[in-house]
Amino acid sequence: MSNVEHTFALIKAHAIGHAAEIILRATRAGLVLYRPSHNYRKFTLEDAEFLYAEHAGRPYMGDLIKSVTKDSVAVYVLSGVNAVTRWRRLLGATDPEKAVPGCIRGDFGTILPDNAAHGSDSVKSAIREIRRFVPEYKLPN
């Protein structure tokens, strides 16, 4: 039985010029894009705190918030078999300086926290993030 999942994908402001290439990599890897056009939006402080809630209180939290609130980001939903794991594998290591060339963060990231893109870390997080940032997407029950 296949494990079709839905995951949240966010392309950060500094990498938004590469959004088409980044999403093309996801679709070439077999993930299905919910919204074919780019969904640009400006994150508020509340959006950023919601997205990075698990990092609250950590010394780098302020930098994370700045990285997604300084300018528009692009948000998407990707789906497919094991979508969460597959999208994160395409992203590569969180730290772009440790990410290998050929992965999204290795090719388009600069230095933390500007690592090009975000991917949900679990199915539970994906559902939470999709419901907040792409509420019109109908998740299966």
Protein backbone atom coordinates (compact mmCIF):
# COMPACT_ATOMS: atom_id res chain seq x y z
CA MET A 1 0.00 0.00 0.00
CA SER A 2 1.40 3.39 -0.96
CA ASN A 3 2.04 6.08 1.60
CA VAL A 4 0.73 9.22 -0.13
CA GLU A 5 1.54 12.27 1.98
CA HIS A 6 1.17 16.00 1.66
CA THR A 7 3.93 18.36 2.72
CA PHE A 8 4.40 22.09 3.04
CA ALA A 9 7.15 23.75 1.05
CA LEU A 10 8.34 27.32 1.53
CA ILE A 11 10.93 29.11 -0.57
CA LYS A 12 12.63 31.89 1.33
CA ALA A 13 13.01 35.44 0.02
CA HIS A 14 16.67 35.25 -0.98
CA ALA A 15 15.98 32.15 -3.14
CA ILE A 16 12.66 33.24 -4.61
CA GLY A 17 14.31 34.01 -7.94
CA HIS A 18 15.01 30.28 -8.16
CA ALA A 19 11.47 29.21 -7.22
CA ALA A 20 10.67 27.78 -10.67
CA GLU A 21 13.85 25.67 -10.69
CA ILE A 22 13.30 24.50 -7.11
CA ILE A 23 9.72 23.41 -7.81
CA LEU A 24 10.80 21.82 -11.08
CA ARG A 25 13.24 19.66 -9.10
CA ALA A 26 10.37 18.55 -6.84
CA THR A 27 8.12 17.62 -9.74
CA ARG A 28 10.94 15.84 -11.57
CA ALA A 29 11.41 13.78 -8.41
CA GLY A 30 7.78 12.68 -8.70
CA LEU A 31 6.13 15.04 -6.24
CA VAL A 32 2.86 16.62 -7.34
CA LEU A 33 2.50 20.38 -7.02
CA TYR A 34 -0.86 21.56 -5.74
CA ARG A 35 -0.64 25.10 -7.08
CA PRO A 36 1.12 25.46 -10.44
CA SER A 37 1.61 29.21 -10.08
CA HIS A 38 3.75 30.75 -7.36
CA ASN A 39 1.91 31.74 -4.20
CA TYR A 40 3.91 34.68 -2.90
CA ARG A 41 3.06 36.14 0.46
CA LYS A 42 4.59 38.27 3.18
CA PHE A 43 4.89 36.44 6.49
CA THR A 44 3.96 38.27 9.66
CA LEU A 45 5.73 37.85 12.98
CA GLU A 46 2.88 35.55 14.04
CA ASP A 47 3.30 33.43 10.89
CA ALA A 48 7.02 33.05 11.54
CA GLU A 49 6.51 32.17 15.20
CA PHE A 50 3.94 29.56 14.18
CA LEU A 51 6.22 28.05 11.54
CA TYR A 52 9.20 27.84 13.88
CA ALA A 53 7.36 27.16 17.16
CA GLU A 54 9.60 24.18 17.97
CA HIS A 55 12.60 26.53 17.99
CA ALA A 56 11.09 29.01 20.48
CA GLY A 57 13.60 30.12 23.07
CA ARG A 58 16.63 29.03 21.08
CA PRO A 59 19.33 31.66 20.46
CA TYR A 60 18.85 31.55 16.67
CA MET A 61 15.05 32.04 16.76
CA GLY A 62 15.34 35.76 15.98
CA ASP A 63 17.39 35.02 12.87
CA LEU A 64 14.85 32.44 11.70
CA ILE A 65 12.04 34.93 12.10
CA LYS A 66 13.96 37.61 10.19
CA SER A 67 14.70 35.18 7.37
CA VAL A 68 11.02 34.62 6.60
CA THR A 69 9.61 38.06 7.42
CA LYS A 70 12.06 40.35 5.62
CA ASP A 71 10.44 39.92 2.20
CA SER A 72 7.90 37.78 0.38
CA VAL A 73 8.21 34.00 0.41
CA ALA A 74 6.56 31.41 -1.84
CA VAL A 75 4.42 28.67 -0.32
CA TYR A 76 3.32 25.38 -1.85
CA VAL A 77 1.85 21.99 -1.10
CA LEU A 78 3.59 18.96 -2.55
CA SER A 79 2.13 15.47 -2.45
CA GLY A 80 3.21 11.97 -3.31
CA VAL A 81 4.44 8.74 -1.82
CA ASN A 82 6.51 9.62 1.27
CA ALA A 83 6.36 13.30 0.27
CA VAL A 84 7.74 14.63 3.57
CA THR A 85 10.90 12.53 3.43
CA ARG A 86 11.37 12.97 -0.31
CA TRP A 87 11.08 16.78 -0.15
CA ARG A 88 13.50 16.97 2.77
CA ARG A 89 15.95 14.74 0.91
CA LEU A 90 15.79 17.14 -2.08
CA LEU A 91 16.41 20.06 0.28
CA GLY A 92 19.58 18.56 1.74
CA ALA A 93 21.27 19.48 5.00
CA THR A 94 19.76 22.37 6.95
CA ASP A 95 23.06 24.24 6.93
CA PRO A 96 23.84 25.26 3.32
CA GLU A 97 27.57 25.16 4.09
CA LYS A 98 27.18 21.44 4.85
CA ALA A 99 24.71 20.70 2.05
CA VAL A 100 26.13 18.92 -0.96
CA PRO A 101 26.00 20.46 -4.43
CA GLY A 102 22.98 19.19 -6.32
CA CYS A 103 20.54 19.53 -3.43
CA ILE A 104 18.39 22.64 -3.12
CA ARG A 105 20.14 24.10 -0.08
CA GLY A 106 23.55 23.25 -1.50
CA ASP A 107 22.76 25.07 -4.75
CA PHE A 108 20.58 27.98 -3.60
CA GLY A 109 21.25 28.45 0.12
CA THR A 110 23.81 30.92 1.43
CA ILE A 111 24.40 30.74 5.18
CA LEU A 112 22.03 29.96 8.00
CA PRO A 113 19.24 30.91 8.34
CA ASP A 114 19.09 31.71 4.60
CA ASN A 115 19.07 28.08 3.54
CA ALA A 116 16.74 28.61 0.54
CA ALA A 117 13.72 26.60 1.62
CA HIS A 118 11.72 25.01 4.40
CA GLY A 119 10.17 21.58 4.45
CA SER A 120 7.87 20.09 7.05
CA ASP A 121 9.72 17.74 9.39
CA SER A 122 6.83 15.28 9.80
CA VAL A 123 3.37 14.50 8.48
CA LYS A 124 1.90 16.08 11.63
CA SER A 125 3.86 19.31 11.05
CA ALA A 126 2.90 19.29 7.37
CA ILE A 127 -0.80 19.14 8.19
CA ARG A 128 -0.43 21.94 10.73
CA GLU A 129 1.55 24.13 8.31
CA ILE A 130 -0.71 23.47 5.31
CA ARG A 131 -3.82 24.31 7.33
CA ARG A 132 -2.27 27.62 8.36
CA PHE A 133 -0.55 28.75 5.17
CA VAL A 134 -2.54 27.08 2.38
CA PRO A 135 -5.98 26.75 4.01
CA GLU A 136 -7.80 26.25 0.73
CA TYR A 137 -5.95 22.97 0.19
CA LYS A 138 -8.27 20.12 1.07
CA LEU A 139 -6.34 17.57 3.09
CA PRO A 140 -7.83 14.08 3.11
CA ASN A 141 -9.37 12.97 6.39
